[in-house]
Amino acid sequence: MRSPYERVGILLGVLMGVIIVLKIIFFFSGNSLNESVTKNKVVEIKALLEKEKEVFGKYPDELNIIKRNNPLRNYLLADGWGTTFSYKVIEDTYFLSSAGSDKEINTKDDLNFN
């Protein structure tokens, strides 16, 4: 029969193992989760941009205009990693991108949406 101290030690070892496994799972799923959040935000942003064009005849010059004084839309301005979206109007269209996991624009992990 094991002593109470041995049982506690075994229990703590098992708990530490479970915590490590969960951290590994969350680490590897973190980027895909952030990417999914970003893509969902882009769907909303695109809808608001199209509504702006429909109402005013052009896309807004700056992305923050889509908020239209609605503080509940503040979350739309940053991607899943917390970085502000890059947005440029080019003639009759726009260029929208996320810096991705490295939080730097114009790198290979950028997510571009047109």
PDB file of N, CA and C in Angstrom:
ATOM      1  N   MET A   1       0.845  -1.177   0.000  1.00  0.00           N
ATOM      2  CA  MET A   1       0.000   0.000   0.000  1.00  0.00           C
ATOM      3  C   MET A   1       0.892   1.242   0.000  1.00  0.00           C
ATOM      4  N   ARG A   2       0.496   2.212  -0.786  1.00  0.00           N
ATOM      5  CA  ARG A   2       1.276   3.444  -0.908  1.00  0.00           C
ATOM      6  C   ARG A   2       0.902   4.401   0.222  1.00  0.00           C
ATOM      7  N   SER A   3       1.896   5.189   0.587  1.00  0.00           N
ATOM      8  CA  SER A   3       1.641   6.185   1.626  1.00  0.00           C
ATOM      9  C   SER A   3       0.854   7.353   1.018  1.00  0.00           C
ATOM     10  N   PRO A   4       0.208   8.143   1.856  1.00  0.00           N
ATOM     11  CA  PRO A   4      -0.541   9.299   1.344  1.00  0.00           C
ATOM     12  C   PRO A   4       0.345  10.265   0.552  1.00  0.00           C
ATOM     13  N   TYR A   5       1.602  10.394   0.941  1.00  0.00           N
ATOM     14  CA  TYR A   5       2.509  11.297   0.230  1.00  0.00           C
ATOM     15  C   TYR A   5       2.804  10.787  -1.179  1.00  0.00           C
ATOM     16  N   GLU A   6       2.927   9.457  -1.311  1.00  0.00           N
ATOM     17  CA  GLU A   6       3.157   8.883  -2.640  1.00  0.00           C
ATOM     18  C   GLU A   6       1.928   9.093  -3.526  1.00  0.00           C
ATOM     19  N   ARG A   7       0.752   8.926  -2.965  1.00  0.00           N
ATOM     20  CA  ARG A   7      -0.479   9.134  -3.730  1.00  0.00           C
ATOM     21  C   ARG A   7      -0.589  10.584  -4.217  1.00  0.00           C
ATOM     22  N   VAL A   8      -0.290  11.520  -3.332  1.00  0.00           N
ATOM     23  CA  VAL A   8      -0.328  12.935  -3.708  1.00  0.00           C
ATOM     24  C   VAL A   8       0.696  13.208  -4.807  1.00  0.00           C
ATOM     25  N   GLY A   9       1.876  12.611  -4.679  1.00  0.00           N
ATOM     26  CA  GLY A   9       2.916  12.791  -5.696  1.00  0.00           C
ATOM     27  C   GLY A   9       2.480  12.255  -7.048  1.00  0.00           C
ATOM     28  N   ILE A  10       1.860  11.096  -7.056  1.00  0.00           N
ATOM     29  CA  ILE A  10       1.369  10.508  -8.307  1.00  0.00           C
ATOM     30  C   ILE A  10       0.268  11.383  -8.899  1.00  0.00           C
ATOM     31  N   LEU A  11      -0.654  11.819  -8.055  1.00  0.00           N
ATOM     32  CA  LEU A  11      -1.742  12.675  -8.517  1.00  0.00           C
ATOM     33  C   LEU A  11      -1.204  13.978  -9.112  1.00  0.00           C
ATOM     34  N   LEU A  12      -0.239  14.591  -8.444  1.00  0.00           N
ATOM     35  CA  LEU A  12       0.357  15.825  -8.967  1.00  0.00           C
ATOM     36  C   LEU A  12       1.071  15.574 -10.293  1.00  0.00           C
ATOM     37  N   GLY A  13       1.738  14.443 -10.412  1.00  0.00           N
ATOM     38  CA  GLY A  13       2.409  14.099 -11.668  1.00  0.00           C
ATOM     39  C   GLY A  13       1.420  13.944 -12.811  1.00  0.00           C
ATOM     40  N   VAL A  14       0.308  13.274 -12.540  1.00  0.00           N
ATOM     41  CA  VAL A  14      -0.722  13.094 -13.567  1.00  0.00           C
ATOM     42  C   VAL A  14      -1.319  14.450 -13.952  1.00  0.00           C
ATOM     43  N   LEU A  15      -1.618  15.288 -12.964  1.00  0.00           N
ATOM     44  CA  LEU A  15      -2.172  16.614 -13.248  1.00  0.00           C
ATOM     45  C   LEU A  15      -1.199  17.459 -14.071  1.00  0.00           C
ATOM     46  N   MET A  16       0.075  17.411 -13.744  1.00  0.00           N
ATOM     47  CA  MET A  16       1.079  18.158 -14.512  1.00  0.00           C
ATOM     48  C   MET A  16       1.123  17.655 -15.950  1.00  0.00           C
ATOM     49  N   GLY A  17       1.038  16.344 -16.126  1.00  0.00           N
ATOM     50  CA  GLY A  17       1.026  15.775 -17.476  1.00  0.00           C
ATOM     51  C   GLY A  17      -0.169  16.253 -18.281  1.00  0.00           C
ATOM     52  N   VAL A  18      -1.336  16.270 -17.657  1.00  0.00           N
ATOM     53  CA  VAL A  18      -2.548  16.736 -18.336  1.00  0.00           C
ATOM     54  C   VAL A  18      -2.409  18.212 -18.711  1.00  0.00           C
ATOM     55  N   ILE A  19      -1.891  19.018 -17.806  1.00  0.00           N
ATOM     56  CA  ILE A  19      -1.708  20.445 -18.083  1.00  0.00           C
ATOM     57  C   ILE A  19      -0.745  20.651 -19.247  1.00  0.00           C
ATOM     58  N   ILE A  20       0.339  19.912 -19.282  1.00  0.00           N
ATOM     59  CA  ILE A  20       1.312  20.033 -20.373  1.00  0.00           C
ATOM     60  C   ILE A  20       0.676  19.652 -21.703  1.00  0.00           C
ATOM     61  N   VAL A  21      -0.070  18.566 -21.724  1.00  0.00           N
ATOM     62  CA  VAL A  21      -0.735  18.139 -22.962  1.00  0.00           C
ATOM     63  C   VAL A  21      -1.727  19.206 -23.428  1.00  0.00           C
ATOM     64  N   LEU A  22      -2.509  19.762 -22.518  1.00  0.00           N
ATOM     65  CA  LEU A  22      -3.467  20.808 -22.885  1.00  0.00           C
ATOM     66  C   LEU A  22      -2.764  22.052 -23.417  1.00  0.00           C
ATOM     67  N   LYS A  23      -1.644  22.431 -22.805  1.00  0.00           N
ATOM     68  CA  LYS A  23      -0.895  23.597 -23.298  1.00  0.00           C
ATOM     69  C   LYS A  23      -0.369  23.351 -24.702  1.00  0.00           C
ATOM     70  N   ILE A  24       0.100  22.158 -24.971  1.00  0.00           N
ATOM     71  CA  ILE A  24       0.588  21.825 -26.312  1.00  0.00           C
ATOM     72  C   ILE A  24      -0.551  21.907 -27.322  1.00  0.00           C
ATOM     73  N   ILE A  25      -1.700  21.371 -26.969  1.00  0.00           N
ATOM     74  CA  ILE A  25      -2.860  21.418 -27.874  1.00  0.00           C
ATOM     75  C   ILE A  25      -3.256  22.861 -28.154  1.00  0.00           C
ATOM     76  N   PHE A  26      -3.354  23.695 -27.114  1.00  0.00           N
ATOM     77  CA  PHE A  26      -3.734  25.093 -27.315  1.00  0.00           C
ATOM     78  C   PHE A  26      -2.673  25.864 -28.082  1.00  0.00           C
ATOM     79  N   PHE A  27      -1.401  25.518 -27.881  1.00  0.00           N
ATOM     80  CA  PHE A  27      -0.328  26.200 -28.610  1.00  0.00           C
ATOM     81  C   PHE A  27      -0.463  25.966 -30.103  1.00  0.00           C
ATOM     82  N   PHE A  28      -0.699  24.715 -30.497  1.00  0.00           N
ATOM     83  CA  PHE A  28      -0.776  24.404 -31.919  1.00  0.00           C
ATOM     84  C   PHE A  28      -2.106  24.812 -32.545  1.00  0.00           C
ATOM     85  N   SER A  29      -3.153  24.913 -31.765  1.00  0.00           N
ATOM     86  CA  SER A  29      -4.435  25.333 -32.327  1.00  0.00           C
ATOM     87  C   SER A  29      -4.621  26.841 -32.246  1.00  0.00           C
ATOM     88  N   GLY A  30      -3.727  27.548 -31.564  1.00  0.00           N
ATOM     89  CA  GLY A  30      -3.848  28.992 -31.383  1.00  0.00           C
ATOM     90  C   GLY A  30      -3.892  29.753 -32.683  1.00  0.00           C
ATOM     91  N   ASN A  31      -2.971  29.464 -33.608  1.00  0.00           N
ATOM     92  CA  ASN A  31      -2.940  30.186 -34.875  1.00  0.00           C
ATOM     93  C   ASN A  31      -4.182  29.918 -35.699  1.00  0.00           C
ATOM     94  N   SER A  32      -4.636  28.673 -35.726  1.00  0.00           N
ATOM     95  CA  SER A  32      -5.825  28.385 -36.525  1.00  0.00           C
ATOM     96  C   SER A  32      -7.058  29.051 -35.911  1.00  0.00           C
ATOM     97  N   LEU A  33      -7.095  29.161 -34.610  1.00  0.00           N
ATOM     98  CA  LEU A  33      -8.200  29.855 -33.949  1.00  0.00           C
ATOM     99  C   LEU A  33      -8.164  31.344 -34.290  1.00  0.00           C
ATOM    100  N   ASN A  34      -6.981  31.950 -34.205  1.00  0.00           N
ATOM    101  CA  ASN A  34      -6.845  33.371 -34.541  1.00  0.00           C
ATOM    102  C   ASN A  34      -7.169  33.624 -36.007  1.00  0.00           C
ATOM    103  N   GLU A  35      -6.775  32.700 -36.863  1.00  0.00           N
ATOM    104  CA  GLU A  35      -7.078  32.836 -38.287  1.00  0.00           C
ATOM    105  C   GLU A  35      -8.584  32.753 -38.522  1.00  0.00           C
ATOM    106  N   SER A  36      -9.239  31.861 -37.817  1.00  0.00           N
ATOM    107  CA  SER A  36     -10.692  31.718 -37.938  1.00  0.00           C
ATOM    108  C   SER A  36     -11.406  32.981 -37.453  1.00  0.00           C
ATOM    109  N   VAL A  37     -10.956  33.527 -36.332  1.00  0.00           N
ATOM    110  CA  VAL A  37     -11.533  34.772 -35.812  1.00  0.00           C
ATOM    111  C   VAL A  37     -11.352  35.889 -36.832  1.00  0.00           C
ATOM    112  N   THR A  38     -10.161  35.956 -37.425  1.00  0.00           N
ATOM    113  CA  THR A  38      -9.869  36.986 -38.427  1.00  0.00           C
ATOM    114  C   THR A  38     -10.797  36.852 -39.625  1.00  0.00           C
ATOM    115  N   LYS A  39     -10.968  35.646 -40.118  1.00  0.00           N
ATOM    116  CA  LYS A  39     -11.829  35.433 -41.285  1.00  0.00           C
ATOM    117  C   LYS A  39     -13.281  35.790 -40.981  1.00  0.00           C
ATOM    118  N   ASN A  40     -13.743  35.490 -39.779  1.00  0.00           N
ATOM    119  CA  ASN A  40     -15.112  35.860 -39.394  1.00  0.00           C
ATOM    120  C   ASN A  40     -15.280  37.376 -39.331  1.00  0.00           C
ATOM    121  N   LYS A  41     -14.258  38.066 -38.818  1.00  0.00           N
ATOM    122  CA  LYS A  41     -14.318  39.528 -38.779  1.00  0.00           C
ATOM    123  C   LYS A  41     -14.343  40.102 -40.190  1.00  0.00           C
ATOM    124  N   VAL A  42     -13.566  39.507 -41.083  1.00  0.00           N
ATOM    125  CA  VAL A  42     -13.503  40.001 -42.461  1.00  0.00           C
ATOM    126  C   VAL A  42     -14.866  39.887 -43.139  1.00  0.00           C
ATOM    127  N   VAL A  43     -15.605  38.835 -42.849  1.00  0.00           N
ATOM    128  CA  VAL A  43     -16.956  38.694 -43.417  1.00  0.00           C
ATOM    129  C   VAL A  43     -17.812  39.891 -42.997  1.00  0.00           C
ATOM    130  N   GLU A  44     -17.742  40.259 -41.721  1.00  0.00           N
ATOM    131  CA  GLU A  44     -18.509  41.410 -41.235  1.00  0.00           C
ATOM    132  C   GLU A  44     -18.003  42.715 -41.843  1.00  0.00           C
ATOM    133  N   ILE A  45     -16.680  42.857 -41.917  1.00  0.00           N
ATOM    134  CA  ILE A  45     -16.093  44.076 -42.481  1.00  0.00           C
ATOM    135  C   ILE A  45     -16.517  44.245 -43.930  1.00  0.00           C
ATOM    136  N   LYS A  46     -16.443  43.170 -44.706  1.00  0.00           N
ATOM    137  CA  LYS A  46     -16.822  43.255 -46.119  1.00  0.00           C
ATOM    138  C   LYS A  46     -18.284  43.679 -46.278  1.00  0.00           C
ATOM    139  N   ALA A  47     -19.145  43.137 -45.440  1.00  0.00           N
ATOM    140  CA  ALA A  47     -20.564  43.511 -45.509  1.00  0.00           C
ATOM    141  C   ALA A  47     -20.743  44.996 -45.204  1.00  0.00           C
ATOM    142  N   LEU A  48     -20.032  45.495 -44.197  1.00  0.00           N
ATOM    143  CA  LEU A  48     -20.131  46.910 -43.855  1.00  0.00           C
ATOM    144  C   LEU A  48     -19.525  47.793 -44.949  1.00  0.00           C
ATOM    145  N   LEU A  49     -18.432  47.341 -45.560  1.00  0.00           N
ATOM    146  CA  LEU A  49     -17.825  48.108 -46.653  1.00  0.00           C
ATOM    147  C   LEU A  49     -18.769  48.189 -47.851  1.00  0.00           C
ATOM    148  N   GLU A  50     -19.418  47.071 -48.160  1.00  0.00           N
ATOM    149  CA  GLU A  50     -20.367  47.075 -49.282  1.00  0.00           C
ATOM    150  C   GLU A  50     -21.567  47.977 -48.987  1.00  0.00           C
ATOM    151  N   LYS A  51     -22.002  47.986 -47.734  1.00  0.00           N
ATOM    152  CA  LYS A  51     -23.109  48.870 -47.356  1.00  0.00           C
ATOM    153  C   LYS A  51     -22.690  50.333 -47.488  1.00  0.00           C
ATOM    154  N   GLU A  52     -21.460  50.645 -47.076  1.00  0.00           N
ATOM    155  CA  GLU A  52     -20.937  52.011 -47.231  1.00  0.00           C
ATOM    156  C   GLU A  52     -20.942  52.417 -48.699  1.00  0.00           C
ATOM    157  N   LYS A  53     -20.493  51.502 -49.561  1.00  0.00           N
ATOM    158  CA  LYS A  53     -20.448  51.819 -50.989  1.00  0.00           C
ATOM    159  C   LYS A  53     -21.858  52.011 -51.545  1.00  0.00           C
ATOM    160  N   GLU A  54     -22.774  51.194 -51.091  1.00  0.00           N
ATOM    161  CA  GLU A  54     -24.159  51.294 -51.559  1.00  0.00           C
ATOM    162  C   GLU A  54     -24.788  52.629 -51.148  1.00  0.00           C
ATOM    163  N   VAL A  55     -24.534  53.041 -49.919  1.00  0.00           N
ATOM    164  CA  VAL A  55     -25.147  54.263 -49.395  1.00  0.00           C
ATOM    165  C   VAL A  55     -24.441  55.524 -49.901  1.00  0.00           C
ATOM    166  N   PHE A  56     -23.101  55.516 -49.907  1.00  0.00           N
ATOM    167  CA  PHE A  56     -22.342  56.732 -50.219  1.00  0.00           C
ATOM    168  C   PHE A  56     -21.694  56.718 -51.603  1.00  0.00           C
ATOM    169  N   GLY A  57     -21.820  55.605 -52.320  1.00  0.00           N
ATOM    170  CA  GLY A  57     -21.284  55.544 -53.674  1.00  0.00           C
ATOM    171  C   GLY A  57     -19.802  55.260 -53.775  1.00  0.00           C
ATOM    172  N   LYS A  58     -19.141  55.043 -52.641  1.00  0.00           N
ATOM    173  CA  LYS A  58     -17.709  54.719 -52.645  1.00  0.00           C
ATOM    174  C   LYS A  58     -17.351  54.029 -51.336  1.00  0.00           C
ATOM    175  N   TYR A  59     -16.200  53.359 -51.368  1.00  0.00           N
ATOM    176  CA  TYR A  59     -15.710  52.742 -50.141  1.00  0.00           C
ATOM    177  C   TYR A  59     -15.126  53.832 -49.248  1.00  0.00           C
ATOM    178  N   PRO A  60     -15.190  53.667 -47.928  1.00  0.00           N
ATOM    179  CA  PRO A  60     -14.630  54.691 -47.043  1.00  0.00           C
ATOM    180  C   PRO A  60     -13.109  54.790 -47.204  1.00  0.00           C
ATOM    181  N   ASP A  61     -12.578  55.991 -46.974  1.00  0.00           N
ATOM    182  CA  ASP A  61     -11.134  56.205 -47.090  1.00  0.00           C
ATOM    183  C   ASP A  61     -10.357  55.493 -45.989  1.00  0.00           C
ATOM    184  N   GLU A  62     -10.974  55.360 -44.822  1.00  0.00           N
ATOM    185  CA  GLU A  62     -10.337  54.693 -43.684  1.00  0.00           C
ATOM    186  C   GLU A  62     -11.268  53.615 -43.147  1.00  0.00           C
ATOM    187  N   LEU A  63     -10.679  52.531 -42.663  1.00  0.00           N
ATOM    188  CA  LEU A  63     -11.480  51.404 -42.181  1.00  0.00           C
ATOM    189  C   LEU A  63     -12.314  51.765 -40.955  1.00  0.00           C
ATOM    190  N   ASN A  64     -11.784  52.628 -40.095  1.00  0.00           N
ATOM    191  CA  ASN A  64     -12.525  52.936 -38.859  1.00  0.00           C
ATOM    192  C   ASN A  64     -13.846  53.657 -39.112  1.00  0.00           C
ATOM    193  N   ILE A  65     -14.070  54.121 -40.325  1.00  0.00           N
ATOM    194  CA  ILE A  65     -15.344  54.775 -40.657  1.00  0.00           C
ATOM    195  C   ILE A  65     -16.508  53.781 -40.573  1.00  0.00           C
ATOM    196  N   ILE A  66     -16.242  52.492 -40.792  1.00  0.00           N
ATOM    197  CA  ILE A  66     -17.326  51.505 -40.747  1.00  0.00           C
ATOM    198  C   ILE A  66     -17.953  51.385 -39.363  1.00  0.00           C
ATOM    199  N   LYS A  67     -17.269  51.893 -38.343  1.00  0.00           N
ATOM    200  CA  LYS A  67     -17.836  51.858 -36.987  1.00  0.00           C
ATOM    201  C   LYS A  67     -19.071  52.735 -36.881  1.00  0.00           C
ATOM    202  N   ARG A  68     -19.057  53.856 -37.576  1.00  0.00           N
ATOM    203  CA  ARG A  68     -20.178  54.809 -37.551  1.00  0.00           C
ATOM    204  C   ARG A  68     -20.636  55.112 -36.125  1.00  0.00           C
ATOM    205  N   ASN A  69     -19.695  55.479 -35.269  1.00  0.00           N
ATOM    206  CA  ASN A  69     -19.962  55.853 -33.869  1.00  0.00           C
ATOM    207  C   ASN A  69     -20.619  54.741 -33.058  1.00  0.00           C
ATOM    208  N   ASN A  70     -20.478  53.516 -33.501  1.00  0.00           N
ATOM    209  CA  ASN A  70     -21.016  52.373 -32.767  1.00  0.00           C
ATOM    210  C   ASN A  70     -19.862  51.693 -32.034  1.00  0.00           C
ATOM    211  N   PRO A  71     -19.745  51.879 -30.716  1.00  0.00           N
ATOM    212  CA  PRO A  71     -18.626  51.292 -29.977  1.00  0.00           C
ATOM    213  C   PRO A  71     -18.609  49.763 -30.010  1.00  0.00           C
ATOM    214  N   LEU A  72     -19.735  49.146 -30.328  1.00  0.00           N
ATOM    215  CA  LEU A  72     -19.776  47.687 -30.412  1.00  0.00           C
ATOM    216  C   LEU A  72     -19.030  47.165 -31.632  1.00  0.00           C
ATOM    217  N   ARG A  73     -18.680  48.044 -32.550  1.00  0.00           N
ATOM    218  CA  ARG A  73     -17.935  47.632 -33.742  1.00  0.00           C
ATOM    219  C   ARG A  73     -16.429  47.845 -33.602  1.00  0.00           C
ATOM    220  N   ASN A  74     -15.963  48.335 -32.465  1.00  0.00           N
ATOM    221  CA  ASN A  74     -14.524  48.564 -32.271  1.00  0.00           C
ATOM    222  C   ASN A  74     -13.712  47.294 -32.479  1.00  0.00           C
ATOM    223  N   TYR A  75     -14.268  46.164 -32.098  1.00  0.00           N
ATOM    224  CA  TYR A  75     -13.543  44.901 -32.196  1.00  0.00           C
ATOM    225  C   TYR A  75     -13.224  44.526 -33.643  1.00  0.00           C
ATOM    226  N   LEU A  76     -13.931  45.083 -34.594  1.00  0.00           N
ATOM    227  CA  LEU A  76     -13.728  44.730 -35.998  1.00  0.00           C
ATOM    228  C   LEU A  76     -12.420  45.259 -36.574  1.00  0.00           C
ATOM    229  N   LEU A  77     -11.830  46.251 -35.944  1.00  0.00           N
ATOM    230  CA  LEU A  77     -10.667  46.910 -36.525  1.00  0.00           C
ATOM    231  C   LEU A  77      -9.370  46.132 -36.348  1.00  0.00           C
ATOM    232  N   ALA A  78      -9.363  45.123 -35.485  1.00  0.00           N
ATOM    233  CA  ALA A  78      -8.154  44.327 -35.248  1.00  0.00           C
ATOM    234  C   ALA A  78      -8.410  42.869 -35.608  1.00  0.00           C
ATOM    235  N   ASP A  79      -7.374  42.216 -36.110  1.00  0.00           N
ATOM    236  CA  ASP A  79      -7.493  40.808 -36.492  1.00  0.00           C
ATOM    237  C   ASP A  79      -7.461  39.901 -35.261  1.00  0.00           C
ATOM    238  N   GLY A  80      -7.439  38.611 -35.468  1.00  0.00           N
ATOM    239  CA  GLY A  80      -7.455  37.642 -34.376  1.00  0.00           C
ATOM    240  C   GLY A  80      -6.228  37.681 -33.484  1.00  0.00           C
ATOM    241  N   TRP A  81      -5.152  38.309 -33.953  1.00  0.00           N
ATOM    242  CA  TRP A  81      -3.925  38.441 -33.177  1.00  0.00           C
ATOM    243  C   TRP A  81      -3.844  39.792 -32.484  1.00  0.00           C
ATOM    244  N   GLY A  82      -4.864  40.637 -32.676  1.00  0.00           N
ATOM    245  CA  GLY A  82      -4.887  41.942 -32.028  1.00  0.00           C
ATOM    246  C   GLY A  82      -4.209  43.052 -32.814  1.00  0.00           C
ATOM    247  N   THR A  83      -3.840  42.780 -34.054  1.00  0.00           N
ATOM    248  CA  THR A  83      -3.184  43.769 -34.907  1.00  0.00           C
ATOM    249  C   THR A  83      -4.226  44.451 -35.792  1.00  0.00           C
ATOM    250  N   THR A  84      -4.087  45.741 -35.965  1.00  0.00           N
ATOM    251  CA  THR A  84      -5.015  46.491 -36.805  1.00  0.00           C
ATOM    252  C   THR A  84      -4.933  46.010 -38.250  1.00  0.00           C
ATOM    253  N   PHE A  85      -6.084  45.834 -38.875  1.00  0.00           N
ATOM    254  CA  PHE A  85      -6.119  45.450 -40.287  1.00  0.00           C
ATOM    255  C   PHE A  85      -5.466  46.532 -41.138  1.00  0.00           C
ATOM    256  N   SER A  86      -4.835  46.116 -42.223  1.00  0.00           N
ATOM    257  CA  SER A  86      -4.330  47.051 -43.225  1.00  0.00           C
ATOM    258  C   SER A  86      -5.433  47.217 -44.266  1.00  0.00           C
ATOM    259  N   TYR A  87      -5.751  48.471 -44.591  1.00  0.00           N
ATOM    260  CA  TYR A  87      -6.860  48.754 -45.499  1.00  0.00           C
ATOM    261  C   TYR A  87      -6.478  49.908 -46.411  1.00  0.00           C
ATOM    262  N   LYS A  88      -6.640  49.701 -47.716  1.00  0.00           N
ATOM    263  CA  LYS A  88      -6.375  50.755 -48.701  1.00  0.00           C
ATOM    264  C   LYS A  88      -7.454  50.716 -49.768  1.00  0.00           C
ATOM    265  N   VAL A  89      -7.927  51.900 -50.142  1.00  0.00           N
ATOM    266  CA  VAL A  89      -8.873  52.008 -51.249  1.00  0.00           C
ATOM    267  C   VAL A  89      -8.059  52.264 -52.510  1.00  0.00           C
ATOM    268  N   ILE A  90      -8.312  51.448 -53.527  1.00  0.00           N
ATOM    269  CA  ILE A  90      -7.623  51.587 -54.806  1.00  0.00           C
ATOM    270  C   ILE A  90      -8.696  51.703 -55.879  1.00  0.00           C
ATOM    271  N   GLU A  91      -8.865  52.933 -56.378  1.00  0.00           N
ATOM    272  CA  GLU A  91      -9.887  53.261 -57.372  1.00  0.00           C
ATOM    273  C   GLU A  91     -11.266  52.819 -56.894  1.00  0.00           C
ATOM    274  N   ASP A  92     -11.866  51.826 -57.551  1.00  0.00           N
ATOM    275  CA  ASP A  92     -13.227  51.415 -57.211  1.00  0.00           C
ATOM    276  C   ASP A  92     -13.257  50.124 -56.392  1.00  0.00           C
ATOM    277  N   THR A  93     -12.140  49.784 -55.776  1.00  0.00           N
ATOM    278  CA  THR A  93     -12.076  48.579 -54.954  1.00  0.00           C
ATOM    279  C   THR A  93     -11.215  48.868 -53.723  1.00  0.00           C
ATOM    280  N   TYR A  94     -10.984  47.860 -52.917  1.00  0.00           N
ATOM    281  CA  TYR A  94     -10.176  48.045 -51.716  1.00  0.00           C
ATOM    282  C   TYR A  94      -9.268  46.840 -51.514  1.00  0.00           C
ATOM    283  N   PHE A  95      -8.244  47.032 -50.707  1.00  0.00           N
ATOM    284  CA  PHE A  95      -7.315  45.971 -50.340  1.00  0.00           C
ATOM    285  C   PHE A  95      -7.334  45.872 -48.827  1.00  0.00           C
ATOM    286  N   LEU A  96      -7.694  44.691 -48.316  1.00  0.00           N
ATOM    287  CA  LEU A  96      -7.792  44.455 -46.879  1.00  0.00           C
ATOM    288  C   LEU A  96      -6.889  43.287 -46.531  1.00  0.00           C
ATOM    289  N   SER A  97      -6.039  43.464 -45.520  1.00  0.00           N
ATOM    290  CA  SER A  97      -5.161  42.358 -45.135  1.00  0.00           C
ATOM    291  C   SER A  97      -4.903  42.360 -43.637  1.00  0.00           C
ATOM    292  N   SER A  98      -4.539  41.174 -43.161  1.00  0.00           N
ATOM    293  CA  SER A  98      -4.165  40.959 -41.773  1.00  0.00           C
ATOM    294  C   SER A  98      -2.675  40.632 -41.750  1.00  0.00           C
ATOM    295  N   ALA A  99      -1.966  41.138 -40.767  1.00  0.00           N
ATOM    296  CA  ALA A  99      -0.529  40.886 -40.661  1.00  0.00           C
ATOM    297  C   ALA A  99      -0.227  39.444 -40.268  1.00  0.00           C
ATOM    298  N   GLY A 100      -1.206  38.715 -39.792  1.00  0.00           N
ATOM    299  CA  GLY A 100      -0.991  37.318 -39.428  1.00  0.00           C
ATOM    300  C   GLY A 100      -0.311  37.162 -38.078  1.00  0.00           C
ATOM    301  N   SER A 101       0.194  35.973 -37.838  1.00  0.00           N
ATOM    302  CA  SER A 101       0.710  35.633 -36.510  1.00  0.00           C
ATOM    303  C   SER A 101       1.969  36.398 -36.125  1.00  0.00           C
ATOM    304  N   ASP A 102       2.781  36.819 -37.110  1.00  0.00           N
ATOM    305  CA  ASP A 102       3.999  37.561 -36.759  1.00  0.00           C
ATOM    306  C   ASP A 102       3.736  39.046 -36.519  1.00  0.00           C
ATOM    307  N   LYS A 103       2.509  39.475 -36.769  1.00  0.00           N
ATOM    308  CA  LYS A 103       2.057  40.847 -36.529  1.00  0.00           C
ATOM    309  C   LYS A 103       2.828  41.879 -37.352  1.00  0.00           C
ATOM    310  N   GLU A 104       3.415  41.449 -38.463  1.00  0.00           N
ATOM    311  CA  GLU A 104       4.128  42.353 -39.364  1.00  0.00           C
ATOM    312  C   GLU A 104       3.530  42.230 -40.751  1.00  0.00           C
ATOM    313  N   ILE A 105       3.270  43.378 -41.367  1.00  0.00           N
ATOM    314  CA  ILE A 105       2.657  43.394 -42.682  1.00  0.00           C
ATOM    315  C   ILE A 105       3.712  43.099 -43.750  1.00  0.00           C
ATOM    316  N   ASN A 106       3.268  42.584 -44.880  1.00  0.00           N
ATOM    317  CA  ASN A 106       4.129  42.235 -46.020  1.00  0.00           C
ATOM    318  C   ASN A 106       5.108  41.111 -45.707  1.00  0.00           C
ATOM    319  N   THR A 107       4.619  40.093 -45.005  1.00  0.00           N
ATOM    320  CA  THR A 107       5.404  38.878 -44.779  1.00  0.00           C
ATOM    321  C   THR A 107       4.583  37.693 -45.281  1.00  0.00           C
ATOM    322  N   LYS A 108       5.203  36.519 -45.282  1.00  0.00           N
ATOM    323  CA  LYS A 108       4.558  35.360 -45.910  1.00  0.00           C
ATOM    324  C   LYS A 108       3.300  34.873 -45.187  1.00  0.00           C
ATOM    325  N   ASP A 109       3.133  35.224 -43.927  1.00  0.00           N
ATOM    326  CA  ASP A 109       1.952  34.732 -43.201  1.00  0.00           C
ATOM    327  C   ASP A 109       0.764  35.694 -43.258  1.00  0.00           C
ATOM    328  N   ASP A 110       0.883  36.777 -44.008  1.00  0.00           N
ATOM    329  CA  ASP A 110      -0.228  37.726 -44.132  1.00  0.00           C
ATOM    330  C   ASP A 110      -1.458  37.051 -44.731  1.00  0.00           C
ATOM    331  N   LEU A 111      -2.621  37.503 -44.314  1.00  0.00           N
ATOM    332  CA  LEU A 111      -3.883  37.041 -44.886  1.00  0.00           C
ATOM    333  C   LEU A 111      -4.458  38.195 -45.689  1.00  0.00           C
ATOM    334  N   ASN A 112      -4.622  37.992 -46.987  1.00  0.00           N
ATOM    335  CA  ASN A 112      -5.121  39.046 -47.871  1.00  0.00           C
ATOM    336  C   ASN A 112      -6.551  38.754 -48.291  1.00  0.00           C
ATOM    337  N   PHE A 113      -7.379  39.786 -48.235  1.00  0.00           N
ATOM    338  CA  PHE A 113      -8.792  39.654 -48.568  1.00  0.00           C
ATOM    339  C   PHE A 113      -9.164  40.755 -49.551  1.00  0.00           C
ATOM    340  N   ASN A 114      -9.661  40.360 -50.712  1.00  0.00           N
ATOM    341  CA  ASN A 114     -10.105  41.348 -51.701  1.00  0.00           C
ATOM    342  C   ASN A 114     -11.520  41.054 -52.116  1.00  0.00           C
TER     343      ASN A 114
END
